[in-house]
Each structure stands twice: as C-alpha cells, then as structure tokens.
Amino acid sequence: MTLINSYPIAIFAFVICMVCWGSWANTQKMAKNYRFELYYWDLILGLVITALLAAVTLGSLGTEGRTFWEDLEQATQLSIIMALLGGIVWNLGNLLLVAGIALTGLAVAFPIGGGIAWILGIAYNFLLEYLDKGTTEGSPLILLVGVIFIIIAIVFSAKSYRKLEAGKTNPSYKGIVVSVIAGVLIAFFYGFVVQSMDNDFVAGGSGSLTPFTAVFFFSIGTLVCTLIANPFFMRYPVEGPPVSMKGYAGASMKEHAAGWAGGVIWMSGMVLSFMAVGAGSPAISYALSNAAPVVAAIWGVFIWKEFAKARETTGKLLGGMFLFYLIGLVLIVLSKLL
C-alpha cells in the first residue's frame, strides 16, 4: 500500500482534492443536452471504477500496511457498514443539493448547503480526533480563524451570485429545507469513512480498514444510493419533465464520457485525500479538501464567464472572496504547525 506521510505533501494532496471536488461539475456543463439525472449514472460508474483501480494498484503496491485483498479478508462488518454509510449520505446529500440549487438558485443553496456541510463537517472531524487522542495537533484557535475567513469567502460568493440572479423569483421554502438537509448529510460523510478505518492510519479511526478499502466501500455506498434514489429523481425531477433510461441508452458517447470523467475527477480527489489523511488530521484534511465550492466559483468567473455582465460591485465581492479564501487556506495549513 502506498500512503503519503509527509505533511507538506499531504497539504498538496488536499489542495489537489479541493480542485477535483470543485471541478467535477464542469463535465456536466460540457454535456449541455444530457439531463443531470442521466449524467449521474455515468458519474457514479466513474467513481466506482476509479476507487477499484486505486485499491488494486496503489492500495496493493508498496510496503505499508496490508494490501487491498488482504484487507478485504480481515474487514469487520461494522467497518464496511460505516464506509458504505459514508457513500450513501454523501450521495443523497449531493443529489439533494443539486435539487436545492434548481429550486432556490446558487445564491441561496450554495451558502446554506455548502456552508453547513463545510462548517459542521470540520466540527465533526475535529471531534473524532479529540475523542480519540484526548487532544488535537496544532492550534485549534488558528484552525477556527481560518474557518471563519473561508466562511466570509463563502458569504461573498453567495452575495455575488445573488446579484447575478437579481430579478429572479424568490427562493422557495421547500428549496431552503432541501439545501439544509443536503448540507447536514454531506457534513458527515468524511467522518464516517474515517471511522471505518484502522486507527493506525488515521486519528479518529475505530474500524479495521485501510484508506483504499474504506474509499472503495464508500464508492459502493454511492452506487447503492444511486440505484435507489436516482430513479425517484428521474420520475419526479425538481426541474424539467420526467426522464427514462431510454434517454440514457440514446445518449452519445461524448455525453457518457463526460459523466465518466466527472466520476474519475471526483474520486481521484477522494483517493488523494485519504492517502494523506494520516499525515494531516481529519479536520484539516476535510477543511482543505471540502473548500471546493469556492473553486467552483473560480471556474464560474474565469472559464464560464458567469459574471461577465455583472456590475462593478460584484467584481469587488469576488475579489474579496478570493482574498479571504486564500487567507483562510493558509491559516488552516498553519494550524497544525503552530
């Protein structure tokens, strides 16, 4: 098994994960006529295949710990269930967040769903480490200040999108509730996977799995959830008419490839994050990896030109977002060193 044991390299891995998690949705934009409910089947397929490939290669090569196959033989039922649960809650939360965005717009669903997921997730992973070790590495105060700076960045981003969506109908109460539920679900997925792992590999781990096996079962959890939940979203979509699997079968190879690519990108970030989680900490790794919404906003500004016709004040808000975002990231990195 191959793991990352150097903190500087771990930080680099968390940042790459953050970029992956903030970029995968671009692949859906590339397949403009491919309904999200159909695209999601390919996304999950890409997730599962990438997790399996990582497990049988990086998870079985090298000299550290057990190979993937050896780990499967000794895996406890509770550990597998925790990793599966991580995949289920993430996937359901992700589907609900997309629904929340469709119902309320980015300006509302983004700070509510993404903000709750980020803040509550950091707190949960911090608690796992504290309950395990009775203390935490580094400075919790600096970590908190870094989190506050990124919260401000998220608020600035939300205000920017609110100006962009000015004149649209007011968000629905249903959409706000859906976004809150999505945020709560997403907040716990990372911690559930951490808990499925052997404590030798990560603080807060109380299971028996290596990082690669935990991530593999996480991907199976996303598949199980998709098989149950996505047909419901196809039949009762929050936006547009119902769709069927005929649409999936009739999609072009380019459209299928876009979904597969999205899954590969997202899961590559997940693999990197858990390869390095032992060298960092659950709270720091989650905080950096899951700061992805701001990365998505960066794509919106520079690649998709979503704010090209926005007012000058919007540009100032975006500038503030980038500034507070960078300061927050630096403080989170330094929190373990000080």
Protein backbone atom coordinates (compact mmCIF):
# COMPACT_ATOMS: atom_id res chain seq x y z
CA MET A 1 0.00 0.00 0.00
CA THR A 2 1.24 3.49 -0.83
CA LEU A 3 0.43 6.36 1.56
CA ILE A 4 1.51 9.99 1.99
CA ASN A 5 3.36 10.52 5.27
CA SER A 6 4.85 14.00 4.76
CA TYR A 7 2.72 16.93 5.94
CA PRO A 8 3.79 19.31 3.13
CA ILE A 9 2.99 16.64 0.52
CA ALA A 10 -0.27 15.91 2.34
CA ILE A 11 -1.25 19.58 2.06
CA PHE A 12 -0.55 19.42 -1.67
CA ALA A 13 -2.78 16.31 -1.89
CA PHE A 14 -5.60 18.07 -0.01
CA VAL A 15 -5.37 21.06 -2.35
CA ILE A 16 -5.50 18.79 -5.41
CA CYS A 17 -8.55 17.10 -3.87
CA MET A 18 -10.14 20.51 -3.36
CA VAL A 19 -9.55 21.33 -7.03
CA CYS A 20 -11.01 17.96 -8.09
CA TRP A 21 -14.10 18.37 -5.93
CA GLY A 22 -14.59 21.92 -7.18
CA SER A 23 -14.12 20.95 -10.83
CA TRP A 24 -16.04 17.73 -11.50
CA ALA A 25 -19.30 19.57 -12.17
CA ASN A 26 -17.71 21.21 -15.23
CA THR A 27 -18.02 17.89 -17.02
CA GLN A 28 -21.80 18.09 -16.73
CA LYS A 29 -21.75 21.54 -18.30
CA MET A 30 -19.79 20.08 -21.21
CA ALA A 31 -22.71 17.74 -21.94
CA LYS A 32 -25.30 20.51 -22.20
CA ASN A 33 -28.18 18.40 -23.52
CA TYR A 34 -27.59 15.49 -21.11
CA ARG A 35 -30.05 15.62 -18.21
CA PHE A 36 -28.37 15.61 -14.81
CA GLU A 37 -30.34 12.55 -13.66
CA LEU A 38 -28.93 10.55 -16.60
CA TYR A 39 -25.46 12.04 -16.31
CA TYR A 40 -25.43 10.90 -12.68
CA TRP A 41 -25.40 7.21 -13.66
CA ASP A 42 -22.16 7.73 -15.54
CA LEU A 43 -20.73 9.87 -12.74
CA ILE A 44 -21.21 7.06 -10.20
CA LEU A 45 -19.81 4.49 -12.61
CA GLY A 46 -16.68 6.64 -12.90
CA LEU A 47 -16.47 6.88 -9.11
CA VAL A 48 -16.65 3.12 -8.53
CA ILE A 49 -14.19 2.18 -11.28
CA THR A 50 -11.65 4.77 -10.10
CA ALA A 51 -11.91 3.61 -6.48
CA LEU A 52 -11.43 -0.02 -7.54
CA LEU A 53 -8.44 0.79 -9.74
CA ALA A 54 -6.84 2.79 -6.91
CA ALA A 55 -7.38 -0.11 -4.49
CA VAL A 56 -5.83 -2.78 -6.72
CA THR A 57 -2.86 -0.57 -7.68
CA LEU A 58 -1.83 2.00 -5.06
CA GLY A 59 -3.72 0.06 -2.40
CA SER A 60 -1.83 -3.17 -3.18
CA LEU A 61 1.65 -1.87 -4.07
CA GLY A 62 4.36 -0.60 -1.74
CA THR A 63 5.45 -1.80 1.68
CA GLU A 64 3.00 -0.12 4.08
CA GLY A 65 0.19 -1.96 5.82
CA ARG A 66 -1.97 -4.61 4.16
CA THR A 67 -2.78 -5.00 0.51
CA PHE A 68 -6.36 -4.38 -0.64
CA TRP A 69 -7.02 -8.11 -0.97
CA GLU A 70 -5.59 -8.87 2.49
CA ASP A 71 -7.66 -6.04 3.94
CA LEU A 72 -10.87 -7.45 2.48
CA GLU A 73 -10.23 -10.75 4.27
CA GLN A 74 -9.94 -9.14 7.72
CA ALA A 75 -12.50 -6.34 7.31
CA THR A 76 -15.16 -6.25 10.02
CA GLN A 77 -18.83 -5.89 9.18
CA LEU A 78 -19.19 -2.66 11.17
CA SER A 79 -16.23 -1.08 9.36
CA ILE A 80 -17.73 -1.92 5.98
CA ILE A 81 -21.11 -0.54 7.05
CA MET A 82 -19.54 2.77 8.17
CA ALA A 83 -17.75 3.20 4.83
CA LEU A 84 -20.93 2.31 2.93
CA LEU A 85 -22.86 4.79 5.06
CA GLY A 86 -20.35 7.48 4.15
CA GLY A 87 -21.07 6.87 0.47
CA ILE A 88 -24.83 6.78 0.98
CA VAL A 89 -25.06 10.05 2.94
CA TRP A 90 -22.69 11.87 0.56
CA ASN A 91 -24.60 10.73 -2.50
CA LEU A 92 -28.02 11.54 -1.10
CA GLY A 93 -26.75 14.91 0.12
CA ASN A 94 -25.24 15.66 -3.29
CA LEU A 95 -28.49 14.83 -5.10
CA LEU A 96 -30.47 16.99 -2.68
CA LEU A 97 -28.02 19.89 -3.06
CA VAL A 98 -28.49 19.80 -6.83
CA ALA A 99 -32.24 19.83 -6.22
CA GLY A 100 -31.83 22.76 -3.83
CA ILE A 101 -29.90 24.72 -6.43
CA ALA A 102 -32.63 24.05 -9.01
CA LEU A 103 -35.32 25.23 -6.58
CA THR A 104 -33.61 28.24 -4.99
CA GLY A 105 -30.65 29.19 -7.17
CA LEU A 106 -26.94 29.15 -6.35
CA ALA A 107 -27.17 32.31 -4.25
CA VAL A 108 -29.29 30.52 -1.65
CA ALA A 109 -28.47 26.80 -1.92
CA PHE A 110 -24.71 27.41 -2.17
CA PRO A 111 -24.15 29.13 1.22
CA ILE A 112 -26.83 27.08 3.00
CA GLY A 113 -25.98 23.58 1.76
CA GLY A 114 -22.28 24.06 1.13
CA GLY A 115 -21.74 26.21 4.21
CA ILE A 116 -23.48 23.80 6.60
CA ALA A 117 -21.62 20.84 5.09
CA TRP A 118 -18.26 22.56 5.45
CA ILE A 119 -18.63 24.00 8.96
CA LEU A 120 -20.43 21.05 10.54
CA GLY A 121 -18.09 18.60 8.80
CA ILE A 122 -14.99 20.31 10.22
CA ALA A 123 -16.51 20.25 13.70
CA TYR A 124 -17.41 16.56 13.42
CA ASN A 125 -13.96 15.51 12.19
CA PHE A 126 -12.30 17.67 14.84
CA LEU A 127 -14.44 15.92 17.47
CA LEU A 128 -13.41 12.47 16.18
CA GLU A 129 -9.74 13.34 16.62
CA TYR A 130 -10.28 14.86 20.06
CA LEU A 131 -12.30 11.89 21.36
CA ASP A 132 -9.63 9.52 20.06
CA LYS A 133 -6.50 11.28 21.33
CA GLY A 134 -7.87 13.46 24.12
CA THR A 135 -6.20 16.38 22.34
CA THR A 136 -5.56 17.73 18.87
CA GLU A 137 -2.37 18.53 17.00
CA GLY A 138 -1.52 22.17 16.44
CA SER A 139 -3.68 25.16 17.28
CA PRO A 140 -7.48 24.79 17.28
CA LEU A 141 -7.73 28.59 17.54
CA ILE A 142 -5.84 29.18 14.30
CA LEU A 143 -7.93 26.48 12.61
CA LEU A 144 -11.07 28.28 13.80
CA VAL A 145 -9.84 31.63 12.49
CA GLY A 146 -9.04 30.02 9.13
CA VAL A 147 -12.53 28.54 9.01
CA ILE A 148 -14.04 31.98 9.75
CA PHE A 149 -12.10 33.52 6.85
CA ILE A 150 -13.43 30.90 4.42
CA ILE A 151 -16.95 31.37 5.78
CA ILE A 152 -16.60 35.05 4.86
CA ALA A 153 -15.38 33.98 1.40
CA ILE A 154 -18.48 31.80 1.01
CA VAL A 155 -20.72 34.71 2.04
CA PHE A 156 -19.04 36.99 -0.53
CA SER A 157 -19.52 34.33 -3.20
CA ALA A 158 -23.20 33.97 -2.28
CA LYS A 159 -23.70 37.74 -2.49
CA SER A 160 -22.06 37.72 -5.93
CA TYR A 161 -24.46 35.06 -7.19
CA ARG A 162 -27.39 36.89 -5.58
CA LYS A 163 -26.57 39.98 -7.63
CA LEU A 164 -26.22 37.81 -10.72
CA GLU A 165 -29.66 36.31 -10.09
CA ALA A 166 -31.30 39.64 -9.28
CA GLY A 167 -34.85 39.86 -10.59
CA LYS A 168 -35.49 36.14 -10.42
CA THR A 169 -38.31 34.76 -8.33
CA ASN A 170 -37.80 34.46 -4.59
CA PRO A 171 -36.42 31.13 -3.38
CA SER A 172 -38.94 28.59 -2.20
CA TYR A 173 -39.19 27.41 1.38
CA LYS A 174 -39.01 23.86 0.04
CA GLY A 175 -35.69 24.60 -1.65
CA ILE A 176 -34.22 26.05 1.55
CA VAL A 177 -35.25 22.98 3.57
CA VAL A 178 -33.79 20.67 0.91
CA SER A 179 -30.50 22.61 0.98
CA VAL A 180 -30.29 22.39 4.78
CA ILE A 181 -30.85 18.61 4.71
CA ALA A 182 -28.25 18.26 1.95
CA GLY A 183 -25.67 20.20 3.98
CA VAL A 184 -26.23 18.10 7.10
CA LEU A 185 -25.86 14.84 5.16
CA ILE A 186 -22.70 15.89 3.33
CA ALA A 187 -21.13 17.09 6.59
CA PHE A 188 -20.90 13.55 7.98
CA PHE A 189 -19.68 11.53 5.00
CA TYR A 190 -15.95 12.12 5.52
CA GLY A 191 -16.12 11.31 9.24
CA PHE A 192 -18.00 8.08 8.58
CA VAL A 193 -15.23 6.92 6.23
CA VAL A 194 -12.59 7.96 8.81
CA GLN A 195 -14.39 5.90 11.46
CA SER A 196 -14.34 2.83 9.20
CA MET A 197 -10.53 2.95 9.10
CA ASP A 198 -7.89 1.36 11.31
CA ASN A 199 -6.62 3.78 13.96
CA ASP A 200 -3.06 3.04 12.82
CA PHE A 201 -3.79 5.03 9.68
CA VAL A 202 -5.81 7.98 10.99
CA ALA A 203 -6.73 9.69 14.25
CA GLY A 204 -10.38 9.02 14.97
CA GLY A 205 -10.40 5.71 13.14
CA SER A 206 -12.21 2.99 15.06
CA GLY A 207 -12.59 0.34 12.35
CA SER A 208 -10.36 -2.14 10.59
CA LEU A 209 -9.97 -0.86 7.02
CA THR A 210 -7.03 0.69 5.22
CA PRO A 211 -7.69 4.01 3.43
CA PHE A 212 -8.05 2.39 -0.01
CA THR A 213 -10.51 -0.27 1.17
CA ALA A 214 -12.53 2.36 3.02
CA VAL A 215 -12.73 4.52 -0.10
CA PHE A 216 -13.72 1.50 -2.21
CA PHE A 217 -16.65 0.65 0.08
CA PHE A 218 -17.56 4.35 0.12
CA SER A 219 -17.91 4.14 -3.67
CA ILE A 220 -20.12 1.05 -3.34
CA GLY A 221 -22.29 3.07 -0.95
CA THR A 222 -22.72 5.78 -3.60
CA LEU A 223 -23.74 3.10 -6.10
CA VAL A 224 -26.31 1.57 -3.75
CA CYS A 225 -27.78 5.01 -3.01
CA THR A 226 -27.94 5.89 -6.71
CA LEU A 227 -29.76 2.66 -7.58
CA ILE A 228 -32.43 3.54 -5.01
CA ALA A 229 -32.65 7.34 -5.16
CA ASN A 230 -31.90 8.30 -8.76
CA PRO A 231 -34.93 6.53 -10.28
CA PHE A 232 -37.07 8.66 -7.95
CA PHE A 233 -35.37 11.86 -9.16
CA MET A 234 -35.82 10.69 -12.76
CA ARG A 235 -39.53 10.16 -12.25
CA TYR A 236 -40.08 13.27 -10.12
CA PRO A 237 -37.39 15.75 -11.21
CA VAL A 238 -37.26 19.12 -9.48
CA GLU A 239 -36.77 20.76 -12.86
CA GLY A 240 -38.00 19.70 -16.29
CA PRO A 241 -40.11 16.71 -17.40
CA PRO A 242 -39.53 13.15 -16.17
CA VAL A 243 -36.80 11.14 -17.90
CA SER A 244 -36.34 7.42 -18.50
CA MET A 245 -33.45 5.06 -19.15
CA LYS A 246 -34.25 5.31 -22.85
CA GLY A 247 -32.63 8.71 -22.69
CA TYR A 248 -29.55 7.16 -21.13
CA ALA A 249 -29.32 4.46 -23.79
CA GLY A 250 -29.74 7.07 -26.51
CA ALA A 251 -27.03 9.42 -25.19
CA SER A 252 -23.93 9.98 -27.30
CA MET A 253 -20.52 8.61 -26.35
CA LYS A 254 -19.40 12.18 -25.67
CA GLU A 255 -22.20 12.61 -23.13
CA HIS A 256 -21.41 9.32 -21.41
CA ALA A 257 -17.71 10.18 -21.37
CA ALA A 258 -18.47 13.48 -19.66
CA GLY A 259 -20.13 11.62 -16.78
CA TRP A 260 -17.34 9.08 -16.52
CA ALA A 261 -14.77 11.88 -16.48
CA GLY A 262 -16.68 13.64 -13.69
CA GLY A 263 -16.56 10.46 -11.60
CA VAL A 264 -12.85 9.95 -12.25
CA ILE A 265 -12.07 13.55 -11.27
CA TRP A 266 -14.11 13.47 -8.05
CA MET A 267 -12.86 10.06 -6.89
CA SER A 268 -9.23 10.89 -7.72
CA GLY A 269 -9.53 13.73 -5.21
CA MET A 270 -11.09 11.39 -2.64
CA VAL A 271 -8.26 8.86 -3.03
CA LEU A 272 -5.60 11.54 -2.62
CA SER A 273 -7.31 12.99 0.44
CA PHE A 274 -7.43 9.63 2.22
CA MET A 275 -3.90 8.69 1.17
CA ALA A 276 -2.78 11.77 3.09
CA VAL A 277 -5.33 11.98 5.94
CA GLY A 278 -2.96 10.27 8.40
CA ALA A 279 -0.23 12.83 7.77
CA GLY A 280 -2.65 15.69 8.37
CA SER A 281 -5.72 15.21 10.52
CA PRO A 282 -9.38 14.52 9.74
CA ALA A 283 -10.36 18.14 10.49
CA ILE A 284 -7.58 19.74 8.40
CA SER A 285 -7.94 17.29 5.53
CA TYR A 286 -11.72 17.83 5.39
CA ALA A 287 -11.36 21.60 5.75
CA LEU A 288 -8.95 21.88 2.81
CA SER A 289 -10.44 19.16 0.61
CA ASN A 290 -14.02 20.35 1.01
CA ALA A 291 -13.39 24.04 0.39
CA ALA A 292 -14.37 23.09 -3.15
CA PRO A 293 -17.37 25.47 -3.56
CA VAL A 294 -15.02 28.41 -3.85
CA VAL A 295 -13.03 26.56 -6.53
CA ALA A 296 -16.31 26.06 -8.39
CA ALA A 297 -16.89 29.81 -8.15
CA ILE A 298 -13.44 30.41 -9.65
CA TRP A 299 -14.40 28.24 -12.62
CA GLY A 300 -17.58 30.27 -12.95
CA VAL A 301 -15.65 33.55 -13.05
CA PHE A 302 -12.72 32.72 -15.31
CA ILE A 303 -13.87 29.85 -17.53
CA TRP A 304 -17.66 30.01 -17.84
CA LYS A 305 -17.75 33.82 -17.63
CA GLU A 306 -20.87 33.72 -15.46
CA PHE A 307 -20.15 37.23 -14.17
CA ALA A 308 -19.09 38.83 -17.46
CA LYS A 309 -22.10 41.17 -17.47
CA ALA A 310 -22.26 41.68 -13.72
CA ARG A 311 -21.98 45.08 -12.08
CA GLU A 312 -18.71 46.55 -10.81
CA THR A 313 -19.74 45.92 -7.19
CA THR A 314 -19.96 42.22 -7.98
CA GLY A 315 -16.32 42.28 -9.08
CA LYS A 316 -15.34 43.71 -5.69
CA LEU A 317 -17.27 40.96 -3.91
CA LEU A 318 -15.48 38.34 -5.98
CA GLY A 319 -12.13 39.94 -5.22
CA GLY A 320 -12.96 39.81 -1.51
CA MET A 321 -13.96 36.17 -1.88
CA PHE A 322 -10.60 35.21 -3.37
CA LEU A 323 -8.65 37.19 -0.75
CA PHE A 324 -10.45 35.73 2.28
CA TYR A 325 -10.34 32.28 0.71
CA LEU A 326 -6.55 32.35 0.34
CA ILE A 327 -6.01 33.72 3.84
CA GLY A 328 -8.28 31.02 5.26
CA LEU A 329 -6.42 28.25 3.44
CA VAL A 330 -3.04 29.48 4.70
CA LEU A 331 -4.29 29.64 8.30
CA ILE A 332 -5.76 26.13 8.11
CA VAL A 333 -2.42 24.78 6.84
CA LEU A 334 -0.52 26.59 9.60
CA SER A 335 -2.91 25.41 12.32
CA LYS A 336 -1.07 22.09 12.66
CA LEU A 337 2.37 23.69 12.74
CA LEU A 338 1.76 26.32 15.43
